[in-house]
Amino acid sequence: AREKLRTFQLLRQYESFSSDAYWDVNAWRVGYGQDTILGNSVYRGMRVSRSTAERAMVSRWSRWERPALIQQIGTGTFASLNADQRAVLMSLKWNYGKVPSRVVRAVNRGSCEGVADSIHTLRWHDRGINAWRRGSESKIYLQSCGSAYHRA
């Protein structure tokens, strides 16, 4: 339950809410950065209520996004992560469509601090448009490590 709550908290914070469809890099999006709403592709001029976007976010997370994340990093690895770590990885997946390979490699190496660092290195990806988000995700992941490790 904590994973689900934390994931949606991060998605709401990072994606914001838009009732009106908007163009974002490669697709029309609405709600919380969604390119589909309850199985329907988002199109120019589409409008959704916050409650519809919320329902669609929960459905997409449980039916597609979470299982795809588990498949991408492996069941055992996923099971070893805490709620904040899972939520950060889902935020990355939601934003990129999949967790970037450098982050997956770090997750599979098992170094919590290494994962936080790999997320931090993505700050200037896509010309820095999400630098603030990657910095925040990295910090959350690092804090979830429960160690005294601190990035210089």
N, C-alpha and C. Protein backbone atom coordinates (compact mmCIF):
# COMPACT_ATOMS: atom_id res chain seq x y z
N ALA A 1 0.83 -1.21 0.00
CA ALA A 1 0.00 0.00 0.00
C ALA A 1 0.87 1.26 0.00
N ARG A 2 1.97 1.24 0.76
CA ARG A 2 2.85 2.41 0.81
C ARG A 2 3.46 2.70 -0.56
N GLU A 3 3.85 1.64 -1.27
CA GLU A 3 4.42 1.82 -2.61
C GLU A 3 3.44 2.55 -3.52
N LYS A 4 2.20 2.11 -3.51
CA LYS A 4 1.18 2.71 -4.36
C LYS A 4 0.95 4.18 -4.00
N LEU A 5 0.81 4.45 -2.71
CA LEU A 5 0.60 5.84 -2.26
C LEU A 5 1.79 6.72 -2.63
N ARG A 6 2.99 6.22 -2.39
CA ARG A 6 4.20 7.01 -2.67
C ARG A 6 4.36 7.25 -4.17
N THR A 7 4.07 6.22 -4.97
CA THR A 7 4.16 6.35 -6.42
C THR A 7 3.23 7.45 -6.92
N PHE A 8 1.97 7.40 -6.50
CA PHE A 8 1.01 8.40 -6.98
C PHE A 8 1.33 9.79 -6.45
N GLN A 9 1.88 9.86 -5.25
CA GLN A 9 2.31 11.15 -4.70
C GLN A 9 3.39 11.75 -5.61
N LEU A 10 4.38 10.95 -5.99
CA LEU A 10 5.45 11.46 -6.86
C LEU A 10 4.90 11.83 -8.24
N LEU A 11 4.06 10.99 -8.81
CA LEU A 11 3.53 11.29 -10.15
C LEU A 11 2.71 12.57 -10.14
N ARG A 12 1.90 12.75 -9.13
CA ARG A 12 1.12 13.99 -9.04
C ARG A 12 2.04 15.21 -8.91
N GLN A 13 3.10 15.06 -8.13
CA GLN A 13 4.03 16.17 -7.92
C GLN A 13 4.81 16.49 -9.20
N TYR A 14 5.33 15.47 -9.86
CA TYR A 14 6.20 15.69 -11.01
C TYR A 14 5.45 15.96 -12.30
N GLU A 15 4.33 15.33 -12.47
CA GLU A 15 3.60 15.47 -13.74
C GLU A 15 2.59 16.60 -13.72
N SER A 16 2.18 17.03 -12.55
CA SER A 16 1.11 18.01 -12.42
C SER A 16 -0.14 17.45 -13.06
N PHE A 17 -1.20 18.23 -13.10
CA PHE A 17 -2.45 17.78 -13.71
C PHE A 17 -2.84 18.77 -14.78
N SER A 18 -3.24 18.25 -15.91
CA SER A 18 -3.79 19.10 -16.97
C SER A 18 -5.08 18.47 -17.47
N SER A 19 -6.16 19.23 -17.38
CA SER A 19 -7.44 18.72 -17.89
C SER A 19 -7.49 18.80 -19.41
N ASP A 20 -6.66 19.66 -20.00
CA ASP A 20 -6.63 19.83 -21.45
C ASP A 20 -5.42 19.13 -22.05
N ALA A 21 -5.63 18.44 -23.17
CA ALA A 21 -4.54 17.76 -23.86
C ALA A 21 -3.49 18.78 -24.28
N TYR A 22 -2.24 18.35 -24.20
CA TYR A 22 -1.11 19.19 -24.62
C TYR A 22 -0.09 18.32 -25.33
N TRP A 23 0.67 18.92 -26.24
CA TRP A 23 1.71 18.18 -26.96
C TRP A 23 2.96 18.14 -26.09
N ASP A 24 3.54 16.94 -25.95
CA ASP A 24 4.73 16.77 -25.11
C ASP A 24 5.71 15.84 -25.83
N VAL A 25 6.67 16.39 -26.49
CA VAL A 25 7.76 15.70 -27.16
C VAL A 25 7.30 14.83 -28.32
N ASN A 26 6.53 13.78 -28.03
CA ASN A 26 6.18 12.83 -29.09
C ASN A 26 4.73 12.37 -29.08
N ALA A 27 3.91 12.96 -28.23
CA ALA A 27 2.51 12.53 -28.15
C ALA A 27 1.66 13.58 -27.44
N TRP A 28 0.35 13.51 -27.70
CA TRP A 28 -0.59 14.32 -26.94
C TRP A 28 -0.72 13.69 -25.57
N ARG A 29 -0.78 14.53 -24.56
CA ARG A 29 -0.89 14.05 -23.18
C ARG A 29 -1.96 14.84 -22.45
N VAL A 30 -2.50 14.22 -21.40
CA VAL A 30 -3.54 14.84 -20.59
C VAL A 30 -3.44 14.21 -19.19
N GLY A 31 -4.14 14.79 -18.25
CA GLY A 31 -4.10 14.22 -16.90
C GLY A 31 -2.74 14.40 -16.29
N TYR A 32 -2.11 13.28 -15.92
CA TYR A 32 -0.79 13.29 -15.30
C TYR A 32 0.26 12.79 -16.30
N GLY A 33 0.37 13.46 -17.42
CA GLY A 33 1.34 13.09 -18.43
C GLY A 33 0.97 11.83 -19.19
N GLN A 34 -0.30 11.49 -19.20
CA GLN A 34 -0.75 10.24 -19.81
C GLN A 34 -1.02 10.41 -21.30
N ASP A 35 -0.59 9.40 -22.08
CA ASP A 35 -0.90 9.42 -23.52
C ASP A 35 -2.10 8.53 -23.84
N THR A 36 -2.59 7.82 -22.84
CA THR A 36 -3.85 7.08 -22.95
C THR A 36 -4.65 7.32 -21.68
N ILE A 37 -5.94 7.32 -21.82
CA ILE A 37 -6.85 7.45 -20.68
C ILE A 37 -7.85 6.31 -20.77
N LEU A 38 -7.72 5.38 -19.83
CA LEU A 38 -8.61 4.22 -19.77
C LEU A 38 -8.72 3.51 -21.12
N GLY A 39 -7.56 3.32 -21.77
CA GLY A 39 -7.49 2.59 -23.03
C GLY A 39 -7.67 3.42 -24.28
N ASN A 40 -8.00 4.69 -24.15
CA ASN A 40 -8.20 5.56 -25.31
C ASN A 40 -7.00 6.48 -25.49
N SER A 41 -6.50 6.57 -26.71
CA SER A 41 -5.39 7.47 -27.00
C SER A 41 -5.82 8.91 -26.80
N VAL A 42 -4.92 9.70 -26.25
CA VAL A 42 -5.18 11.12 -26.05
C VAL A 42 -5.07 11.81 -27.41
N TYR A 43 -5.95 12.76 -27.66
CA TYR A 43 -5.95 13.49 -28.93
C TYR A 43 -6.09 14.98 -28.66
N ARG A 44 -5.70 15.74 -29.65
CA ARG A 44 -5.80 17.20 -29.57
C ARG A 44 -7.24 17.59 -29.23
N GLY A 45 -7.38 18.46 -28.26
CA GLY A 45 -8.70 18.94 -27.86
C GLY A 45 -9.37 18.10 -26.78
N MET A 46 -8.77 16.98 -26.42
CA MET A 46 -9.34 16.12 -25.38
C MET A 46 -9.30 16.83 -24.04
N ARG A 47 -10.34 16.61 -23.24
CA ARG A 47 -10.42 17.14 -21.88
C ARG A 47 -10.80 16.00 -20.95
N VAL A 48 -10.21 16.00 -19.77
CA VAL A 48 -10.57 14.99 -18.77
C VAL A 48 -10.71 15.66 -17.40
N SER A 49 -11.51 15.05 -16.57
CA SER A 49 -11.63 15.53 -15.19
C SER A 49 -10.47 14.94 -14.38
N ARG A 50 -10.21 15.56 -13.26
CA ARG A 50 -9.18 15.04 -12.37
C ARG A 50 -9.52 13.62 -11.92
N SER A 51 -10.79 13.36 -11.62
CA SER A 51 -11.17 12.01 -11.15
C SER A 51 -10.96 10.96 -12.24
N THR A 52 -11.21 11.30 -13.49
CA THR A 52 -10.96 10.37 -14.60
C THR A 52 -9.47 10.13 -14.75
N ALA A 53 -8.68 11.18 -14.66
CA ALA A 53 -7.22 11.04 -14.76
C ALA A 53 -6.68 10.18 -13.62
N GLU A 54 -7.22 10.37 -12.42
CA GLU A 54 -6.80 9.56 -11.27
C GLU A 54 -7.14 8.09 -11.49
N ARG A 55 -8.38 7.81 -11.92
CA ARG A 55 -8.79 6.43 -12.20
C ARG A 55 -7.89 5.80 -13.25
N ALA A 56 -7.61 6.58 -14.30
CA ALA A 56 -6.76 6.09 -15.39
C ALA A 56 -5.34 5.83 -14.92
N MET A 57 -4.83 6.69 -14.04
CA MET A 57 -3.48 6.52 -13.52
C MET A 57 -3.38 5.22 -12.71
N VAL A 58 -4.35 4.98 -11.84
CA VAL A 58 -4.35 3.78 -11.02
C VAL A 58 -4.46 2.53 -11.91
N SER A 59 -5.34 2.58 -12.89
CA SER A 59 -5.52 1.45 -13.79
C SER A 59 -4.26 1.16 -14.58
N ARG A 60 -3.68 2.19 -15.14
CA ARG A 60 -2.46 2.02 -15.94
C ARG A 60 -1.30 1.49 -15.10
N TRP A 61 -1.16 2.02 -13.88
CA TRP A 61 -0.10 1.57 -12.99
C TRP A 61 -0.24 0.09 -12.68
N SER A 62 -1.45 -0.32 -12.28
CA SER A 62 -1.62 -1.71 -11.84
C SER A 62 -1.64 -2.69 -13.00
N ARG A 63 -2.19 -2.31 -14.13
CA ARG A 63 -2.33 -3.25 -15.26
C ARG A 63 -1.10 -3.34 -16.14
N TRP A 64 -0.38 -2.21 -16.31
CA TRP A 64 0.72 -2.20 -17.27
C TRP A 64 2.06 -1.73 -16.70
N GLU A 65 2.05 -0.60 -16.08
CA GLU A 65 3.31 0.02 -15.68
C GLU A 65 4.07 -0.77 -14.61
N ARG A 66 3.39 -1.14 -13.55
CA ARG A 66 4.06 -1.89 -12.48
C ARG A 66 4.55 -3.25 -12.98
N PRO A 67 3.71 -4.04 -13.66
CA PRO A 67 4.22 -5.32 -14.18
C PRO A 67 5.40 -5.15 -15.14
N ALA A 68 5.37 -4.11 -15.96
CA ALA A 68 6.48 -3.87 -16.90
C ALA A 68 7.75 -3.50 -16.16
N LEU A 69 7.63 -2.73 -15.08
CA LEU A 69 8.80 -2.39 -14.27
C LEU A 69 9.38 -3.65 -13.64
N ILE A 70 8.53 -4.49 -13.09
CA ILE A 70 8.99 -5.74 -12.47
C ILE A 70 9.71 -6.60 -13.51
N GLN A 71 9.15 -6.68 -14.70
CA GLN A 71 9.78 -7.45 -15.76
C GLN A 71 11.13 -6.85 -16.15
N GLN A 72 11.20 -5.53 -16.20
CA GLN A 72 12.44 -4.87 -16.62
C GLN A 72 13.58 -5.10 -15.63
N ILE A 73 13.30 -5.04 -14.34
CA ILE A 73 14.39 -5.16 -13.36
C ILE A 73 14.47 -6.54 -12.72
N GLY A 74 13.45 -7.34 -12.88
CA GLY A 74 13.45 -8.69 -12.31
C GLY A 74 12.64 -8.77 -11.03
N THR A 75 11.93 -9.86 -10.87
CA THR A 75 11.05 -10.05 -9.72
C THR A 75 11.80 -10.00 -8.40
N GLY A 76 12.92 -10.71 -8.32
CA GLY A 76 13.70 -10.74 -7.08
C GLY A 76 14.25 -9.38 -6.71
N THR A 77 14.77 -8.69 -7.71
CA THR A 77 15.31 -7.34 -7.46
C THR A 77 14.20 -6.41 -7.02
N PHE A 78 13.06 -6.45 -7.71
CA PHE A 78 11.93 -5.60 -7.34
C PHE A 78 11.51 -5.87 -5.90
N ALA A 79 11.43 -7.14 -5.53
CA ALA A 79 11.01 -7.52 -4.18
C ALA A 79 11.98 -6.99 -3.12
N SER A 80 13.23 -6.79 -3.49
CA SER A 80 14.23 -6.33 -2.52
C SER A 80 14.19 -4.82 -2.28
N LEU A 81 13.44 -4.10 -3.07
CA LEU A 81 13.39 -2.64 -2.98
C LEU A 81 12.31 -2.19 -2.00
N ASN A 82 12.54 -1.05 -1.37
CA ASN A 82 11.51 -0.49 -0.49
C ASN A 82 10.55 0.38 -1.30
N ALA A 83 9.52 0.86 -0.64
CA ALA A 83 8.45 1.61 -1.31
C ALA A 83 8.96 2.87 -2.01
N ASP A 84 9.85 3.62 -1.37
CA ASP A 84 10.38 4.84 -1.99
C ASP A 84 11.21 4.50 -3.22
N GLN A 85 12.00 3.46 -3.15
CA GLN A 85 12.82 3.05 -4.30
C GLN A 85 11.94 2.63 -5.47
N ARG A 86 10.91 1.85 -5.19
CA ARG A 86 9.98 1.44 -6.25
C ARG A 86 9.27 2.65 -6.86
N ALA A 87 8.87 3.58 -6.01
CA ALA A 87 8.16 4.77 -6.49
C ALA A 87 9.05 5.62 -7.39
N VAL A 88 10.31 5.77 -7.02
CA VAL A 88 11.24 6.55 -7.85
C VAL A 88 11.44 5.86 -9.20
N LEU A 89 11.63 4.55 -9.18
CA LEU A 89 11.81 3.83 -10.45
C LEU A 89 10.56 3.94 -11.31
N MET A 90 9.38 3.92 -10.69
CA MET A 90 8.14 4.09 -11.46
C MET A 90 8.04 5.49 -12.03
N SER A 91 8.47 6.48 -11.29
CA SER A 91 8.47 7.85 -11.79
C SER A 91 9.35 7.95 -13.05
N LEU A 92 10.51 7.33 -12.99
CA LEU A 92 11.40 7.30 -14.17
C LEU A 92 10.72 6.59 -15.33
N LYS A 93 10.12 5.44 -15.06
CA LYS A 93 9.46 4.68 -16.11
C LYS A 93 8.31 5.48 -16.71
N TRP A 94 7.53 6.13 -15.86
CA TRP A 94 6.38 6.92 -16.32
C TRP A 94 6.87 8.04 -17.25
N ASN A 95 7.99 8.65 -16.90
CA ASN A 95 8.51 9.77 -17.66
C ASN A 95 9.22 9.34 -18.94
N TYR A 96 9.98 8.26 -18.89
CA TYR A 96 10.77 7.81 -20.05
C TYR A 96 10.09 6.72 -20.88
N GLY A 97 9.11 6.04 -20.32
CA GLY A 97 8.51 4.89 -20.99
C GLY A 97 9.14 3.58 -20.52
N LYS A 98 10.35 3.66 -20.01
CA LYS A 98 11.04 2.54 -19.37
C LYS A 98 12.13 3.15 -18.51
N VAL A 99 12.61 2.37 -17.57
CA VAL A 99 13.70 2.87 -16.73
C VAL A 99 14.96 2.89 -17.59
N PRO A 100 15.66 4.02 -17.65
CA PRO A 100 16.88 4.09 -18.45
C PRO A 100 17.87 2.98 -18.08
N SER A 101 18.57 2.47 -19.10
CA SER A 101 19.43 1.30 -18.92
C SER A 101 20.51 1.52 -17.87
N ARG A 102 21.06 2.73 -17.77
CA ARG A 102 22.11 2.96 -16.76
C ARG A 102 21.56 2.79 -15.35
N VAL A 103 20.30 3.13 -15.16
CA VAL A 103 19.68 2.97 -13.84
C VAL A 103 19.40 1.48 -13.58
N VAL A 104 18.91 0.78 -14.60
CA VAL A 104 18.66 -0.67 -14.45
C VAL A 104 19.95 -1.39 -14.09
N ARG A 105 21.05 -1.05 -14.78
CA ARG A 105 22.33 -1.68 -14.47
C ARG A 105 22.73 -1.43 -13.01
N ALA A 106 22.53 -0.20 -12.55
CA ALA A 106 22.86 0.13 -11.16
C ALA A 106 21.97 -0.63 -10.18
N VAL A 107 20.69 -0.73 -10.49
CA VAL A 107 19.78 -1.49 -9.63
C VAL A 107 20.23 -2.94 -9.55
N ASN A 108 20.58 -3.51 -10.69
CA ASN A 108 20.99 -4.92 -10.71
C ASN A 108 22.35 -5.15 -10.05
N ARG A 109 23.20 -4.12 -9.96
CA ARG A 109 24.46 -4.24 -9.24
C ARG A 109 24.22 -4.24 -7.73
N GLY A 110 23.07 -3.74 -7.30
CA GLY A 110 22.70 -3.81 -5.90
C GLY A 110 23.21 -2.69 -5.01
N SER A 111 23.80 -1.67 -5.59
CA SER A 111 24.30 -0.55 -4.77
C SER A 111 23.25 0.55 -4.74
N CYS A 112 22.65 0.73 -3.60
CA CYS A 112 21.62 1.75 -3.45
C CYS A 112 22.14 3.13 -3.84
N GLU A 113 23.33 3.45 -3.33
CA GLU A 113 23.93 4.75 -3.62
C GLU A 113 24.26 4.87 -5.11
N GLY A 114 24.66 3.74 -5.72
CA GLY A 114 24.95 3.72 -7.16
C GLY A 114 23.72 4.03 -7.99
N VAL A 115 22.57 3.55 -7.54
CA VAL A 115 21.31 3.84 -8.24
C VAL A 115 21.01 5.33 -8.14
N ALA A 116 21.13 5.89 -6.95
CA ALA A 116 20.90 7.32 -6.77
C ALA A 116 21.84 8.13 -7.66
N ASP A 117 23.09 7.73 -7.73
CA ASP A 117 24.05 8.42 -8.60
C ASP A 117 23.66 8.31 -10.07
N SER A 118 23.22 7.12 -10.49
CA SER A 118 22.85 6.94 -11.90
C SER A 118 21.64 7.80 -12.28
N ILE A 119 20.72 7.97 -11.35
CA ILE A 119 19.58 8.86 -11.59
C ILE A 119 20.06 10.31 -11.67
N HIS A 120 20.96 10.66 -10.77
CA HIS A 120 21.51 12.02 -10.73
C HIS A 120 22.20 12.38 -12.05
N THR A 121 22.86 11.40 -12.68
CA THR A 121 23.56 11.67 -13.95
C THR A 121 22.60 11.97 -15.10
N LEU A 122 21.33 11.70 -14.91
CA LEU A 122 20.33 11.98 -15.96
C LEU A 122 19.82 13.42 -15.92
N ARG A 123 20.32 14.22 -15.00
CA ARG A 123 19.83 15.60 -14.83
C ARG A 123 19.83 16.39 -16.14
N TRP A 124 20.85 16.23 -16.94
CA TRP A 124 20.95 17.05 -18.15
C TRP A 124 20.51 16.30 -19.40
N HIS A 125 19.93 15.13 -19.21
CA HIS A 125 19.36 14.40 -20.35
C HIS A 125 18.21 15.24 -20.91
N ASP A 126 17.98 15.15 -22.18
CA ASP A 126 16.93 15.94 -22.84
C ASP A 126 17.10 17.43 -22.57
N ARG A 127 18.35 17.89 -22.66
CA ARG A 127 18.69 19.30 -22.50
C ARG A 127 18.26 19.88 -21.16
N GLY A 128 18.19 19.02 -20.15
CA GLY A 128 17.94 19.48 -18.79
C GLY A 128 16.52 19.85 -18.46
N ILE A 129 15.57 19.49 -19.33
CA ILE A 129 14.18 19.88 -19.09
C ILE A 129 13.64 19.32 -17.78
N ASN A 130 14.15 18.16 -17.36
CA ASN A 130 13.70 17.56 -16.11
C ASN A 130 14.82 17.46 -15.07
N ALA A 131 15.78 18.37 -15.14
CA ALA A 131 16.91 18.34 -14.20
C ALA A 131 16.42 18.39 -12.75
N TRP A 132 15.46 19.23 -12.45
CA TRP A 132 14.92 19.36 -11.10
C TRP A 132 14.30 18.04 -10.66
N ARG A 133 13.59 17.36 -11.58
CA ARG A 133 12.93 16.10 -11.26
C ARG A 133 13.95 15.01 -10.98
N ARG A 134 14.98 14.90 -11.85
CA ARG A 134 16.01 13.89 -11.63
C ARG A 134 16.75 14.14 -10.32
N GLY A 135 17.01 15.40 -10.01
CA GLY A 135 17.65 15.73 -8.75
C GLY A 135 16.80 15.30 -7.56
N SER A 136 15.52 15.56 -7.63
CA SER A 136 14.61 15.17 -6.56
C SER A 136 14.50 13.66 -6.44
N GLU A 137 14.36 12.97 -7.57
CA GLU A 137 14.27 11.50 -7.55
C GLU A 137 15.55 10.89 -6.96
N SER A 138 16.68 11.43 -7.38
CA SER A 138 17.96 10.96 -6.87
C SER A 138 18.05 11.14 -5.36
N LYS A 139 17.62 12.28 -4.88
CA LYS A 139 17.66 12.57 -3.44
C LYS A 139 16.75 11.62 -2.66
N ILE A 140 15.55 11.39 -3.18
CA ILE A 140 14.62 10.47 -2.52
C ILE A 140 15.21 9.07 -2.47
N TYR A 141 15.79 8.63 -3.59
CA TYR A 141 16.37 7.30 -3.64
C TYR A 141 17.53 7.20 -2.65
N LEU A 142 18.37 8.21 -2.64
CA LEU A 142 19.52 8.22 -1.74
C LEU A 142 19.06 8.18 -0.28
N GLN A 143 18.05 8.97 0.06
CA GLN A 143 17.53 8.97 1.43
C GLN A 143 16.95 7.62 1.81
N SER A 144 16.43 6.89 0.83
CA SER A 144 15.85 5.57 1.09
C SER A 144 16.91 4.52 1.39
N CYS A 145 18.18 4.85 1.10
CA CYS A 145 19.25 3.89 1.32
C CYS A 145 19.52 3.65 2.79
N GLY A 146 19.20 4.62 3.60
CA GLY A 146 19.39 4.48 5.03
C GLY A 146 20.85 4.42 5.46
N SER A 147 21.70 5.07 4.66
CA SER A 147 23.12 5.08 5.00
C SER A 147 23.60 6.49 5.20
N ALA A 148 24.83 6.61 5.57
CA ALA A 148 25.43 7.94 5.78
C ALA A 148 26.05 8.48 4.50
N TYR A 149 25.82 7.79 3.38
CA TYR A 149 26.41 8.21 2.11
C TYR A 149 25.81 9.56 1.70
N HIS A 150 26.66 10.47 1.27
CA HIS A 150 26.20 11.78 0.79
C HIS A 150 26.97 12.16 -0.47
N ARG A 151 26.25 12.63 -1.46
CA ARG A 151 26.89 13.05 -2.71
C ARG A 151 27.59 14.37 -2.48
N ALA A 152 28.78 14.49 -3.05
CA ALA A 152 29.55 15.73 -2.92
C ALA A 152 28.96 16.82 -3.78
